[in-house]
PDB file of N, CA and C in Angstrom:
ATOM      1  N   MET A   1      -7.029   0.725 -36.557  1.00  0.00           N
ATOM      2  CA  MET A   1      -6.840   0.672 -35.128  1.00  0.00           C
ATOM      3  C   MET A   1      -8.202   0.430 -34.476  1.00  0.00           C
ATOM      4  N   LEU A   2      -8.157  -0.222 -33.328  1.00  0.00           N
ATOM      5  CA  LEU A   2      -9.360  -0.572 -32.594  1.00  0.00           C
ATOM      6  C   LEU A   2      -9.282   0.049 -31.200  1.00  0.00           C
ATOM      7  N   ALA A   3     -10.402   0.571 -30.724  1.00  0.00           N
ATOM      8  CA  ALA A   3     -10.449   1.134 -29.369  1.00  0.00           C
ATOM      9  C   ALA A   3     -11.551   0.455 -28.579  1.00  0.00           C
ATOM     10  N   LEU A   4     -11.215   0.083 -27.353  1.00  0.00           N
ATOM     11  CA  LEU A   4     -12.208  -0.377 -26.398  1.00  0.00           C
ATOM     12  C   LEU A   4     -12.316   0.713 -25.353  1.00  0.00           C
ATOM     13  N   CYS A   5     -13.526   1.220 -25.154  1.00  0.00           N
ATOM     14  CA  CYS A   5     -13.741   2.301 -24.198  1.00  0.00           C
ATOM     15  C   CYS A   5     -14.657   1.814 -23.078  1.00  0.00           C
ATOM     16  N   ALA A   6     -14.303   2.207 -21.863  1.00  0.00           N
ATOM     17  CA  ALA A   6     -15.130   1.925 -20.695  1.00  0.00           C
ATOM     18  C   ALA A   6     -15.609   3.260 -20.158  1.00  0.00           C
ATOM     19  N   TYR A   7     -16.912   3.451 -20.134  1.00  0.00           N
ATOM     20  CA  TYR A   7     -17.512   4.695 -19.667  1.00  0.00           C
ATOM     21  C   TYR A   7     -18.178   4.459 -18.315  1.00  0.00           C
ATOM     22  N   TYR A   8     -17.734   5.188 -17.316  1.00  0.00           N
ATOM     23  CA  TYR A   8     -18.294   5.089 -15.971  1.00  0.00           C
ATOM     24  C   TYR A   8     -19.351   6.180 -15.813  1.00  0.00           C
ATOM     25  N   GLU A   9     -20.598   5.799 -16.034  1.00  0.00           N
ATOM     26  CA  GLU A   9     -21.721   6.735 -15.958  1.00  0.00           C
ATOM     27  C   GLU A   9     -22.254   6.725 -14.532  1.00  0.00           C
ATOM     28  N   GLY A  10     -22.041   7.832 -13.820  1.00  0.00           N
ATOM     29  CA  GLY A  10     -22.493   7.907 -12.445  1.00  0.00           C
ATOM     30  C   GLY A  10     -21.553   8.720 -11.593  1.00  0.00           C
ATOM     31  N   THR A  11     -21.473   8.353 -10.317  1.00  0.00           N
ATOM     32  CA  THR A  11     -20.676   9.127  -9.363  1.00  0.00           C
ATOM     33  C   THR A  11     -19.962   8.199  -8.377  1.00  0.00           C
ATOM     34  N   VAL A  12     -19.054   8.809  -7.652  1.00  0.00           N
ATOM     35  CA  VAL A  12     -18.419   8.162  -6.511  1.00  0.00           C
ATOM     36  C   VAL A  12     -18.915   8.937  -5.298  1.00  0.00           C
ATOM     37  N   PRO A  13     -19.916   8.392  -4.580  1.00  0.00           N
ATOM     38  CA  PRO A  13     -20.549   9.157  -3.513  1.00  0.00           C
ATOM     39  C   PRO A  13     -19.653   9.435  -2.309  1.00  0.00           C
ATOM     40  N   LYS A  14     -18.680   8.563  -2.065  1.00  0.00           N
ATOM     41  CA  LYS A  14     -17.822   8.731  -0.889  1.00  0.00           C
ATOM     42  C   LYS A  14     -16.360   8.664  -1.304  1.00  0.00           C
ATOM     43  N   ASN A  15     -15.569   9.535  -0.741  1.00  0.00           N
ATOM     44  CA  ASN A  15     -14.121   9.525  -0.881  1.00  0.00           C
ATOM     45  C   ASN A  15     -13.635   9.435  -2.333  1.00  0.00           C
ATOM     46  N   GLN A  16     -14.025  10.422  -3.119  1.00  0.00           N
ATOM     47  CA  GLN A  16     -13.615  10.475  -4.516  1.00  0.00           C
ATOM     48  C   GLN A  16     -12.101  10.496  -4.673  1.00  0.00           C
ATOM     49  N   GLN A  17     -11.433  11.198  -3.781  1.00  0.00           N
ATOM     50  CA  GLN A  17      -9.975  11.306  -3.893  1.00  0.00           C
ATOM     51  C   GLN A  17      -9.314   9.931  -3.766  1.00  0.00           C
ATOM     52  N   ALA A  18      -9.738   9.125  -2.820  1.00  0.00           N
ATOM     53  CA  ALA A  18      -9.176   7.781  -2.646  1.00  0.00           C
ATOM     54  C   ALA A  18      -9.498   6.906  -3.859  1.00  0.00           C
ATOM     55  N   PHE A  19     -10.716   7.019  -4.374  1.00  0.00           N
ATOM     56  CA  PHE A  19     -11.118   6.251  -5.554  1.00  0.00           C
ATOM     57  C   PHE A  19     -10.232   6.617  -6.740  1.00  0.00           C
ATOM     58  N   ASP A  20     -10.111   7.918  -6.994  1.00  0.00           N
ATOM     59  CA  ASP A  20      -9.297   8.385  -8.118  1.00  0.00           C
ATOM     60  C   ASP A  20      -7.846   7.952  -7.971  1.00  0.00           C
ATOM     61  N   GLN A  21      -7.324   8.050  -6.771  1.00  0.00           N
ATOM     62  CA  GLN A  21      -5.928   7.676  -6.517  1.00  0.00           C
ATOM     63  C   GLN A  21      -5.714   6.191  -6.774  1.00  0.00           C
ATOM     64  N   TYR A  22      -6.674   5.365  -6.380  1.00  0.00           N
ATOM     65  CA  TYR A  22      -6.580   3.927  -6.621  1.00  0.00           C
ATOM     66  C   TYR A  22      -6.586   3.633  -8.121  1.00  0.00           C
ATOM     67  N   ILE A  23      -7.470   4.294  -8.832  1.00  0.00           N
ATOM     68  CA  ILE A  23      -7.539   4.093 -10.286  1.00  0.00           C
ATOM     69  C   ILE A  23      -6.182   4.422 -10.911  1.00  0.00           C
ATOM     70  N   GLU A  24      -5.639   5.569 -10.560  1.00  0.00           N
ATOM     71  CA  GLU A  24      -4.388   6.033 -11.172  1.00  0.00           C
ATOM     72  C   GLU A  24      -3.162   5.236 -10.732  1.00  0.00           C
ATOM     73  N   ASP A  25      -3.085   4.892  -9.447  1.00  0.00           N
ATOM     74  CA  ASP A  25      -1.866   4.272  -8.908  1.00  0.00           C
ATOM     75  C   ASP A  25      -1.856   2.748  -8.963  1.00  0.00           C
ATOM     76  N   VAL A  26      -3.043   2.131  -8.987  1.00  0.00           N
ATOM     77  CA  VAL A  26      -3.099   0.674  -8.930  1.00  0.00           C
ATOM     78  C   VAL A  26      -3.744   0.081 -10.191  1.00  0.00           C
ATOM     79  N   HIS A  27      -4.964   0.508 -10.501  1.00  0.00           N
ATOM     80  CA  HIS A  27      -5.698  -0.157 -11.581  1.00  0.00           C
ATOM     81  C   HIS A  27      -5.112   0.122 -12.964  1.00  0.00           C
ATOM     82  N   LEU A  28      -4.895   1.375 -13.286  1.00  0.00           N
ATOM     83  CA  LEU A  28      -4.397   1.680 -14.630  1.00  0.00           C
ATOM     84  C   LEU A  28      -3.017   1.093 -14.906  1.00  0.00           C
ATOM     85  N   PRO A  29      -2.104   1.057 -13.929  1.00  0.00           N
ATOM     86  CA  PRO A  29      -0.843   0.363 -14.204  1.00  0.00           C
ATOM     87  C   PRO A  29      -1.032  -1.123 -14.533  1.00  0.00           C
ATOM     88  N   LEU A  30      -2.051  -1.756 -13.957  1.00  0.00           N
ATOM     89  CA  LEU A  30      -2.351  -3.145 -14.316  1.00  0.00           C
ATOM     90  C   LEU A  30      -2.850  -3.236 -15.755  1.00  0.00           C
ATOM     91  N   VAL A  31      -3.754  -2.346 -16.127  1.00  0.00           N
ATOM     92  CA  VAL A  31      -4.289  -2.338 -17.490  1.00  0.00           C
ATOM     93  C   VAL A  31      -3.176  -2.048 -18.498  1.00  0.00           C
ATOM     94  N   ALA A  32      -2.259  -1.183 -18.122  1.00  0.00           N
ATOM     95  CA  ALA A  32      -1.156  -0.806 -19.021  1.00  0.00           C
ATOM     96  C   ALA A  32      -0.257  -1.986 -19.371  1.00  0.00           C
ATOM     97  N   LYS A  33      -0.364  -3.074 -18.634  1.00  0.00           N
ATOM     98  CA  LYS A  33       0.456  -4.263 -18.893  1.00  0.00           C
ATOM     99  C   LYS A  33      -0.177  -5.231 -19.885  1.00  0.00           C
ATOM    100  N   TYR A  34      -1.377  -4.930 -20.379  1.00  0.00           N
ATOM    101  CA  TYR A  34      -2.014  -5.826 -21.346  1.00  0.00           C
ATOM    102  C   TYR A  34      -1.059  -6.055 -22.518  1.00  0.00           C
ATOM    103  N   PRO A  35      -0.912  -7.293 -22.949  1.00  0.00           N
ATOM    104  CA  PRO A  35      -0.086  -7.525 -24.135  1.00  0.00           C
ATOM    105  C   PRO A  35      -0.750  -6.926 -25.375  1.00  0.00           C
ATOM    106  N   ARG A  36       0.076  -6.415 -26.250  1.00  0.00           N
ATOM    107  CA  ARG A  36      -0.335  -5.842 -27.545  1.00  0.00           C
ATOM    108  C   ARG A  36      -1.163  -4.568 -27.410  1.00  0.00           C
ATOM    109  N   LEU A  37      -1.212  -4.003 -26.233  1.00  0.00           N
ATOM    110  CA  LEU A  37      -1.907  -2.726 -26.044  1.00  0.00           C
ATOM    111  C   LEU A  37      -1.050  -1.630 -26.662  1.00  0.00           C
ATOM    112  N   ARG A  38      -1.624  -0.852 -27.558  1.00  0.00           N
ATOM    113  CA  ARG A  38      -0.889   0.205 -28.255  1.00  0.00           C
ATOM    114  C   ARG A  38      -0.838   1.482 -27.422  1.00  0.00           C
ATOM    115  N   ALA A  39      -1.967   1.834 -26.812  1.00  0.00           N
ATOM    116  CA  ALA A  39      -2.042   3.065 -26.012  1.00  0.00           C
ATOM    117  C   ALA A  39      -3.184   2.922 -25.014  1.00  0.00           C
ATOM    118  N   LEU A  40      -3.066   3.684 -23.937  1.00  0.00           N
ATOM    119  CA  LEU A  40      -4.083   3.700 -22.892  1.00  0.00           C
ATOM    120  C   LEU A  40      -4.318   5.156 -22.517  1.00  0.00           C
ATOM    121  N   ARG A  41      -5.571   5.546 -22.495  1.00  0.00           N
ATOM    122  CA  ARG A  41      -5.922   6.923 -22.154  1.00  0.00           C
ATOM    123  C   ARG A  41      -6.942   6.910 -21.026  1.00  0.00           C
ATOM    124  N   TYR A  42      -6.740   7.818 -20.076  1.00  0.00           N
ATOM    125  CA  TYR A  42      -7.637   7.984 -18.921  1.00  0.00           C
ATOM    126  C   TYR A  42      -8.242   9.379 -19.015  1.00  0.00           C
ATOM    127  N   LEU A  43      -9.560   9.447 -19.052  1.00  0.00           N
ATOM    128  CA  LEU A  43     -10.256  10.724 -19.117  1.00  0.00           C
ATOM    129  C   LEU A  43     -11.099  10.870 -17.865  1.00  0.00           C
ATOM    130  N   LYS A  44     -10.928  11.959 -17.174  1.00  0.00           N
ATOM    131  CA  LYS A  44     -11.653  12.234 -15.926  1.00  0.00           C
ATOM    132  C   LYS A  44     -12.644  13.346 -16.211  1.00  0.00           C
ATOM    133  N   GLY A  45     -13.916  13.097 -15.944  1.00  0.00           N
ATOM    134  CA  GLY A  45     -14.952  14.095 -16.175  1.00  0.00           C
ATOM    135  C   GLY A  45     -14.754  15.327 -15.314  1.00  0.00           C
ATOM    136  N   VAL A  46     -15.048  16.483 -15.885  1.00  0.00           N
ATOM    137  CA  VAL A  46     -14.973  17.743 -15.146  1.00  0.00           C
ATOM    138  C   VAL A  46     -16.311  18.474 -15.287  1.00  0.00           C
ATOM    139  N   PRO A  47     -16.696  19.204 -14.255  1.00  0.00           N
ATOM    140  CA  PRO A  47     -17.956  19.952 -14.342  1.00  0.00           C
ATOM    141  C   PRO A  47     -17.906  20.980 -15.476  1.00  0.00           C
ATOM    142  N   ARG A  48     -19.053  21.196 -16.052  1.00  0.00           N
ATOM    143  CA  ARG A  48     -19.182  22.200 -17.123  1.00  0.00           C
ATOM    144  C   ARG A  48     -20.372  23.083 -16.782  1.00  0.00           C
ATOM    145  N   ASP A  49     -20.117  24.361 -16.693  1.00  0.00           N
ATOM    146  CA  ASP A  49     -21.153  25.323 -16.309  1.00  0.00           C
ATOM    147  C   ASP A  49     -21.810  24.930 -14.988  1.00  0.00           C
ATOM    148  N   GLY A  50     -20.993  24.411 -14.071  1.00  0.00           N
ATOM    149  CA  GLY A  50     -21.488  24.050 -12.746  1.00  0.00           C
ATOM    150  C   GLY A  50     -22.243  22.743 -12.670  1.00  0.00           C
ATOM    151  N   VAL A  51     -22.299  22.007 -13.773  1.00  0.00           N
ATOM    152  CA  VAL A  51     -23.042  20.746 -13.807  1.00  0.00           C
ATOM    153  C   VAL A  51     -22.042  19.586 -13.819  1.00  0.00           C
ATOM    154  N   ALA A  52     -22.274  18.619 -12.937  1.00  0.00           N
ATOM    155  CA  ALA A  52     -21.408  17.447 -12.884  1.00  0.00           C
ATOM    156  C   ALA A  52     -21.480  16.675 -14.198  1.00  0.00           C
ATOM    157  N   PRO A  53     -20.381  16.067 -14.620  1.00  0.00           N
ATOM    158  CA  PRO A  53     -20.403  15.311 -15.876  1.00  0.00           C
ATOM    159  C   PRO A  53     -21.242  14.044 -15.756  1.00  0.00           C
ATOM    160  N   LYS A  54     -21.852  13.648 -16.855  1.00  0.00           N
ATOM    161  CA  LYS A  54     -22.636  12.412 -16.882  1.00  0.00           C
ATOM    162  C   LYS A  54     -21.727  11.203 -16.654  1.00  0.00           C
ATOM    163  N   TYR A  55     -20.530  11.266 -17.225  1.00  0.00           N
ATOM    164  CA  TYR A  55     -19.565  10.181 -17.098  1.00  0.00           C
ATOM    165  C   TYR A  55     -18.458  10.618 -16.153  1.00  0.00           C
ATOM    166  N   TYR A  56     -18.321   9.911 -15.041  1.00  0.00           N
ATOM    167  CA  TYR A  56     -17.326  10.249 -14.035  1.00  0.00           C
ATOM    168  C   TYR A  56     -15.914  10.090 -14.602  1.00  0.00           C
ATOM    169  N   LEU A  57     -15.709   9.003 -15.350  1.00  0.00           N
ATOM    170  CA  LEU A  57     -14.417   8.787 -15.980  1.00  0.00           C
ATOM    171  C   LEU A  57     -14.580   7.860 -17.159  1.00  0.00           C
ATOM    172  N   SER A  58     -13.528   7.772 -17.940  1.00  0.00           N
ATOM    173  CA  SER A  58     -13.512   6.877 -19.086  1.00  0.00           C
ATOM    174  C   SER A  58     -12.092   6.364 -19.282  1.00  0.00           C
ATOM    175  N   PHE A  59     -11.983   5.118 -19.739  1.00  0.00           N
ATOM    176  CA  PHE A  59     -10.704   4.543 -20.154  1.00  0.00           C
ATOM    177  C   PHE A  59     -10.805   4.249 -21.636  1.00  0.00           C
ATOM    178  N   GLU A  60      -9.744   4.496 -22.364  1.00  0.00           N
ATOM    179  CA  GLU A  60      -9.672   4.139 -23.775  1.00  0.00           C
ATOM    180  C   GLU A  60      -8.442   3.265 -23.977  1.00  0.00           C
ATOM    181  N   LEU A  61      -8.666   2.061 -24.464  1.00  0.00           N
ATOM    182  CA  LEU A  61      -7.588   1.123 -24.746  1.00  0.00           C
ATOM    183  C   LEU A  61      -7.488   0.953 -26.252  1.00  0.00           C
ATOM    184  N   PHE A  62      -6.303   1.142 -26.797  1.00  0.00           N
ATOM    185  CA  PHE A  62      -6.105   1.093 -28.243  1.00  0.00           C
ATOM    186  C   PHE A  62      -5.258  -0.111 -28.639  1.00  0.00           C
ATOM    187  N   PHE A  63      -5.715  -0.805 -29.673  1.00  0.00           N
ATOM    188  CA  PHE A  63      -5.030  -1.974 -30.211  1.00  0.00           C
ATOM    189  C   PHE A  63      -4.897  -1.804 -31.722  1.00  0.00           C
ATOM    190  N   ASP A  64      -3.873  -2.420 -32.298  1.00  0.00           N
ATOM    191  CA  ASP A  64      -3.690  -2.326 -33.749  1.00  0.00           C
ATOM    192  C   ASP A  64      -4.764  -3.078 -34.519  1.00  0.00           C
ATOM    193  N   SER A  65      -5.316  -4.130 -33.897  1.00  0.00           N
ATOM    194  CA  SER A  65      -6.290  -4.965 -34.616  1.00  0.00           C
ATOM    195  C   SER A  65      -7.203  -5.699 -33.634  1.00  0.00           C
ATOM    196  N   LEU A  66      -8.255  -6.269 -34.183  1.00  0.00           N
ATOM    197  CA  LEU A  66      -9.155  -7.097 -33.388  1.00  0.00           C
ATOM    198  C   LEU A  66      -8.404  -8.309 -32.845  1.00  0.00           C
ATOM    199  N   GLU A  67      -7.501  -8.851 -33.633  1.00  0.00           N
ATOM    200  CA  GLU A  67      -6.711 -10.003 -33.195  1.00  0.00           C
ATOM    201  C   GLU A  67      -5.859  -9.645 -31.980  1.00  0.00           C
ATOM    202  N   ASP A  68      -5.261  -8.461 -31.979  1.00  0.00           N
ATOM    203  CA  ASP A  68      -4.466  -8.027 -30.829  1.00  0.00           C
ATOM    204  C   ASP A  68      -5.340  -7.852 -29.594  1.00  0.00           C
ATOM    205  N   PHE A  69      -6.533  -7.296 -29.785  1.00  0.00           N
ATOM    206  CA  PHE A  69      -7.474  -7.161 -28.673  1.00  0.00           C
ATOM    207  C   PHE A  69      -7.849  -8.535 -28.115  1.00  0.00           C
ATOM    208  N   GLN A  70      -8.186  -9.464 -28.994  1.00  0.00           N
ATOM    209  CA  GLN A  70      -8.584 -10.801 -28.555  1.00  0.00           C
ATOM    210  C   GLN A  70      -7.444 -11.508 -27.823  1.00  0.00           C
ATOM    211  N   PHE A  71      -6.216 -11.285 -28.258  1.00  0.00           N
ATOM    212  CA  PHE A  71      -5.053 -11.843 -27.574  1.00  0.00           C
ATOM    213  C   PHE A  71      -4.961 -11.281 -26.155  1.00  0.00           C
ATOM    214  N   ALA A  72      -5.145  -9.970 -26.014  1.00  0.00           N
ATOM    215  CA  ALA A  72      -5.073  -9.319 -24.706  1.00  0.00           C
ATOM    216  C   ALA A  72      -6.173  -9.819 -23.773  1.00  0.00           C
ATOM    217  N   VAL A  73      -7.358 -10.016 -24.319  1.00  0.00           N
ATOM    218  CA  VAL A  73      -8.505 -10.465 -23.509  1.00  0.00           C
ATOM    219  C   VAL A  73      -8.234 -11.815 -22.857  1.00  0.00           C
ATOM    220  N   LYS A  74      -7.444 -12.645 -23.498  1.00  0.00           N
ATOM    221  CA  LYS A  74      -7.159 -13.982 -22.978  1.00  0.00           C
ATOM    222  C   LYS A  74      -5.944 -14.011 -22.048  1.00  0.00           C
ATOM    223  N   SER A  75      -5.353 -12.863 -21.788  1.00  0.00           N
ATOM    224  CA  SER A  75      -4.095 -12.822 -21.046  1.00  0.00           C
ATOM    225  C   SER A  75      -4.279 -12.832 -19.525  1.00  0.00           C
ATOM    226  N   GLU A  76      -3.254 -13.266 -18.851  1.00  0.00           N
ATOM    227  CA  GLU A  76      -3.233 -13.235 -17.384  1.00  0.00           C
ATOM    228  C   GLU A  76      -3.232 -11.789 -16.891  1.00  0.00           C
ATOM    229  N   GLU A  77      -2.600 -10.890 -17.634  1.00  0.00           N
ATOM    230  CA  GLU A  77      -2.582  -9.472 -17.252  1.00  0.00           C
ATOM    231  C   GLU A  77      -3.993  -8.908 -17.202  1.00  0.00           C
ATOM    232  N   ARG A  78      -4.810  -9.264 -18.174  1.00  0.00           N
ATOM    233  CA  ARG A  78      -6.199  -8.786 -18.163  1.00  0.00           C
ATOM    234  C   ARG A  78      -6.953  -9.414 -17.001  1.00  0.00           C
ATOM    235  N   ASN A  79      -6.742 -10.690 -16.759  1.00  0.00           N
ATOM    236  CA  ASN A  79      -7.415 -11.345 -15.632  1.00  0.00           C
ATOM    237  C   ASN A  79      -7.115 -10.633 -14.317  1.00  0.00           C
ATOM    238  N   ARG A  80      -5.855 -10.237 -14.127  1.00  0.00           N
ATOM    239  CA  ARG A  80      -5.491  -9.513 -12.901  1.00  0.00           C
ATOM    240  C   ARG A  80      -6.219  -8.174 -12.823  1.00  0.00           C
ATOM    241  N   ALA A  81      -6.318  -7.470 -13.947  1.00  0.00           N
ATOM    242  CA  ALA A  81      -6.999  -6.168 -13.958  1.00  0.00           C
ATOM    243  C   ALA A  81      -8.498  -6.339 -13.692  1.00  0.00           C
ATOM    244  N   VAL A  82      -9.105  -7.366 -14.247  1.00  0.00           N
ATOM    245  CA  VAL A  82     -10.535  -7.627 -14.021  1.00  0.00           C
ATOM    246  C   VAL A  82     -10.777  -7.932 -12.547  1.00  0.00           C
ATOM    247  N   GLU A  83      -9.943  -8.744 -11.954  1.00  0.00           N
ATOM    248  CA  GLU A  83     -10.074  -9.044 -10.521  1.00  0.00           C
ATOM    249  C   GLU A  83      -9.890  -7.778  -9.690  1.00  0.00           C
ATOM    250  N   ASP A  84      -8.941  -6.941 -10.075  1.00  0.00           N
ATOM    251  CA  ASP A  84      -8.710  -5.696  -9.350  1.00  0.00           C
ATOM    252  C   ASP A  84      -9.917  -4.767  -9.448  1.00  0.00           C
ATOM    253  N   ALA A  85     -10.570  -4.732 -10.601  1.00  0.00           N
ATOM    254  CA  ALA A  85     -11.733  -3.852 -10.785  1.00  0.00           C
ATOM    255  C   ALA A  85     -12.835  -4.178  -9.790  1.00  0.00           C
ATOM    256  N   LYS A  86     -12.926  -5.415  -9.382  1.00  0.00           N
ATOM    257  CA  LYS A  86     -13.945  -5.815  -8.395  1.00  0.00           C
ATOM    258  C   LYS A  86     -13.702  -5.151  -7.047  1.00  0.00           C
ATOM    259  N   LYS A  87     -12.457  -4.776  -6.772  1.00  0.00           N
ATOM    260  CA  LYS A  87     -12.118  -4.151  -5.493  1.00  0.00           C
ATOM    261  C   LYS A  87     -12.682  -2.744  -5.364  1.00  0.00           C
ATOM    262  N   PHE A  88     -12.776  -2.019  -6.468  1.00  0.00           N
ATOM    263  CA  PHE A  88     -13.261  -0.640  -6.380  1.00  0.00           C
ATOM    264  C   PHE A  88     -14.660  -0.458  -6.962  1.00  0.00           C
ATOM    265  N   ALA A  89     -15.220  -1.468  -7.589  1.00  0.00           N
ATOM    266  CA  ALA A  89     -16.534  -1.338  -8.224  1.00  0.00           C
ATOM    267  C   ALA A  89     -17.627  -0.951  -7.235  1.00  0.00           C
ATOM    268  N   ALA A  90     -17.545  -1.442  -6.014  1.00  0.00           N
ATOM    269  CA  ALA A  90     -18.579  -1.148  -5.012  1.00  0.00           C
ATOM    270  C   ALA A  90     -18.574   0.321  -4.601  1.00  0.00           C
ATOM    271  N   GLN A  91     -17.470   1.012  -4.823  1.00  0.00           N
ATOM    272  CA  GLN A  91     -17.382   2.431  -4.476  1.00  0.00           C
ATOM    273  C   GLN A  91     -18.020   3.322  -5.541  1.00  0.00           C
ATOM    274  N   PHE A  92     -18.310   2.749  -6.706  1.00  0.00           N
ATOM    275  CA  PHE A  92     -18.891   3.513  -7.808  1.00  0.00           C
ATOM    276  C   PHE A  92     -20.389   3.295  -7.855  1.00  0.00           C
ATOM    277  N   ASP A  93     -21.151   4.380  -7.924  1.00  0.00           N
ATOM    278  CA  ASP A  93     -22.604   4.316  -7.994  1.00  0.00           C
ATOM    279  C   ASP A  93     -23.040   4.684  -9.405  1.00  0.00           C
ATOM    280  N   GLY A  94     -23.349   3.680 -10.191  1.00  0.00           N
ATOM    281  CA  GLY A  94     -23.765   3.934 -11.564  1.00  0.00           C
ATOM    282  C   GLY A  94     -23.560   2.703 -12.424  1.00  0.00           C
ATOM    283  N   GLU A  95     -23.454   2.931 -13.730  1.00  0.00           N
ATOM    284  CA  GLU A  95     -23.280   1.847 -14.690  1.00  0.00           C
ATOM    285  C   GLU A  95     -21.968   2.023 -15.426  1.00  0.00           C
ATOM    286  N   ILE A  96     -21.393   0.899 -15.835  1.00  0.00           N
ATOM    287  CA  ILE A  96     -20.177   0.916 -16.636  1.00  0.00           C
ATOM    288  C   ILE A  96     -20.526   0.354 -18.002  1.00  0.00           C
ATOM    289  N   HIS A  97     -20.251   1.133 -19.031  1.00  0.00           N
ATOM    290  CA  HIS A  97     -20.550   0.731 -20.407  1.00  0.00           C
ATOM    291  C   HIS A  97     -19.231   0.475 -21.139  1.00  0.00           C
ATOM    292  N   HIS A  98     -19.165  -0.637 -21.862  1.00  0.00           N
ATOM    293  CA  HIS A  98     -18.000  -0.945 -22.686  1.00  0.00           C
ATOM    294  C   HIS A  98     -18.419  -0.862 -24.155  1.00  0.00           C
ATOM    295  N   VAL A  99     -17.666  -0.095 -24.928  1.00  0.00           N
ATOM    296  CA  VAL A  99     -17.984   0.109 -26.333  1.00  0.00           C
ATOM    297  C   VAL A  99     -16.702  -0.070 -27.150  1.00  0.00           C
ATOM    298  N   MET A 100     -16.818  -0.762 -28.278  1.00  0.00           N
ATOM    299  CA  MET A 100     -15.685  -0.986 -29.166  1.00  0.00           C
ATOM    300  C   MET A 100     -15.842  -0.088 -30.396  1.00  0.00           C
ATOM    301  N   TYR A 101     -14.736   0.514 -30.816  1.00  0.00           N
ATOM    302  CA  TYR A 101     -14.753   1.409 -31.970  1.00  0.00           C
ATOM    303  C   TYR A 101     -13.653   1.040 -32.962  1.00  0.00           C
ATOM    304  N   ASP A 102     -13.949   1.241 -34.231  1.00  0.00           N
ATOM    305  CA  ASP A 102     -12.930   1.244 -35.274  1.00  0.00           C
ATOM    306  C   ASP A 102     -12.444   2.691 -35.345  1.00  0.00           C
ATOM    307  N   VAL A 103     -11.153   2.917 -35.186  1.00  0.00           N
ATOM    308  CA  VAL A 103     -10.612   4.272 -35.076  1.00  0.00           C
ATOM    309  C   VAL A 103     -10.021   4.720 -36.404  1.00  0.00           C
ATOM    310  N   LYS A 104     -10.395   5.899 -36.818  1.00  0.00           N
ATOM    311  CA  LYS A 104      -9.826   6.553 -37.997  1.00  0.00           C
ATOM    312  C   LYS A 104      -9.345   7.932 -37.567  1.00  0.00           C
ATOM    313  N   ASP A 105      -8.051   8.160 -37.643  1.00  0.00           N
ATOM    314  CA  ASP A 105      -7.511   9.473 -37.308  1.00  0.00           C
ATOM    315  C   ASP A 105      -7.753  10.440 -38.458  1.00  0.00           C
ATOM    316  N   ILE A 106      -8.171  11.648 -38.138  1.00  0.00           N
ATOM    317  CA  ILE A 106      -8.439  12.680 -39.120  1.00  0.00           C
ATOM    318  C   ILE A 106      -7.395  13.785 -38.934  1.00  0.00           C
ATOM    319  N   PRO A 107      -6.667  14.105 -39.986  1.00  0.00           N
ATOM    320  CA  PRO A 107      -5.675  15.172 -39.854  1.00  0.00           C
ATOM    321  C   PRO A 107      -6.349  16.500 -39.532  1.00  0.00           C
ATOM    322  N   VAL A 108      -5.700  17.285 -38.699  1.00  0.00           N
ATOM    323  CA  VAL A 108      -6.211  18.609 -38.369  1.00  0.00           C
ATOM    324  C   VAL A 108      -5.163  19.651 -38.739  1.00  0.00           C
ATOM    325  N   ALA A 109      -5.655  20.853 -38.986  1.00  0.00           N
ATOM    326  CA  ALA A 109      -4.744  21.946 -39.307  1.00  0.00           C
ATOM    327  C   ALA A 109      -3.942  22.305 -38.076  1.00  0.00           C
ATOM    328  N   GLY A 110      -2.687  22.606 -38.262  1.00  0.00           N
ATOM    329  CA  GLY A 110      -1.844  23.011 -37.136  1.00  0.00           C
ATOM    330  C   GLY A 110      -2.315  24.333 -36.572  1.00  0.00           C
ATOM    331  N   ASN A 111      -2.245  24.455 -35.272  1.00  0.00           N
ATOM    332  CA  ASN A 111      -2.632  25.703 -34.608  1.00  0.00           C
ATOM    333  C   ASN A 111      -1.369  26.401 -34.148  1.00  0.00           C
ATOM    334  N   SER A 112      -1.242  27.643 -34.500  1.00  0.00           N
ATOM    335  CA  SER A 112      -0.101  28.430 -33.987  1.00  0.00           C
ATOM    336  C   SER A 112      -0.652  29.572 -33.151  1.00  0.00           C
ATOM    337  N   VAL A 113      -0.080  29.730 -32.000  1.00  0.00           N
ATOM    338  CA  VAL A 113      -0.546  30.766 -31.079  1.00  0.00           C
ATOM    339  C   VAL A 113       0.539  31.797 -30.904  1.00  0.00           C
TER     340      VAL A 113
END
């Protein structure tokens, strides 16, 4: 499995609630339409010990293979999502990093509470 991750390093200086709502209600539904996308995960940074997170948010897009990812990259659905990202990018103060990973799931022991 292959993962493409987008890390938003920085902050949203104004109207975080509107920014977050746009990401959840408009942008992520566009990304979710990518062809051959296996899974999509949205991670929102939370303060730890009173310190703001380094990464405001992250998206993880999962594909079965590099070929599936390359197919999605050439799609009209991705083009629409890229154009949409330009609408909210100015509200984000920081850098966006894209990283590709080869994913290996590791079994974990079941937890019973």
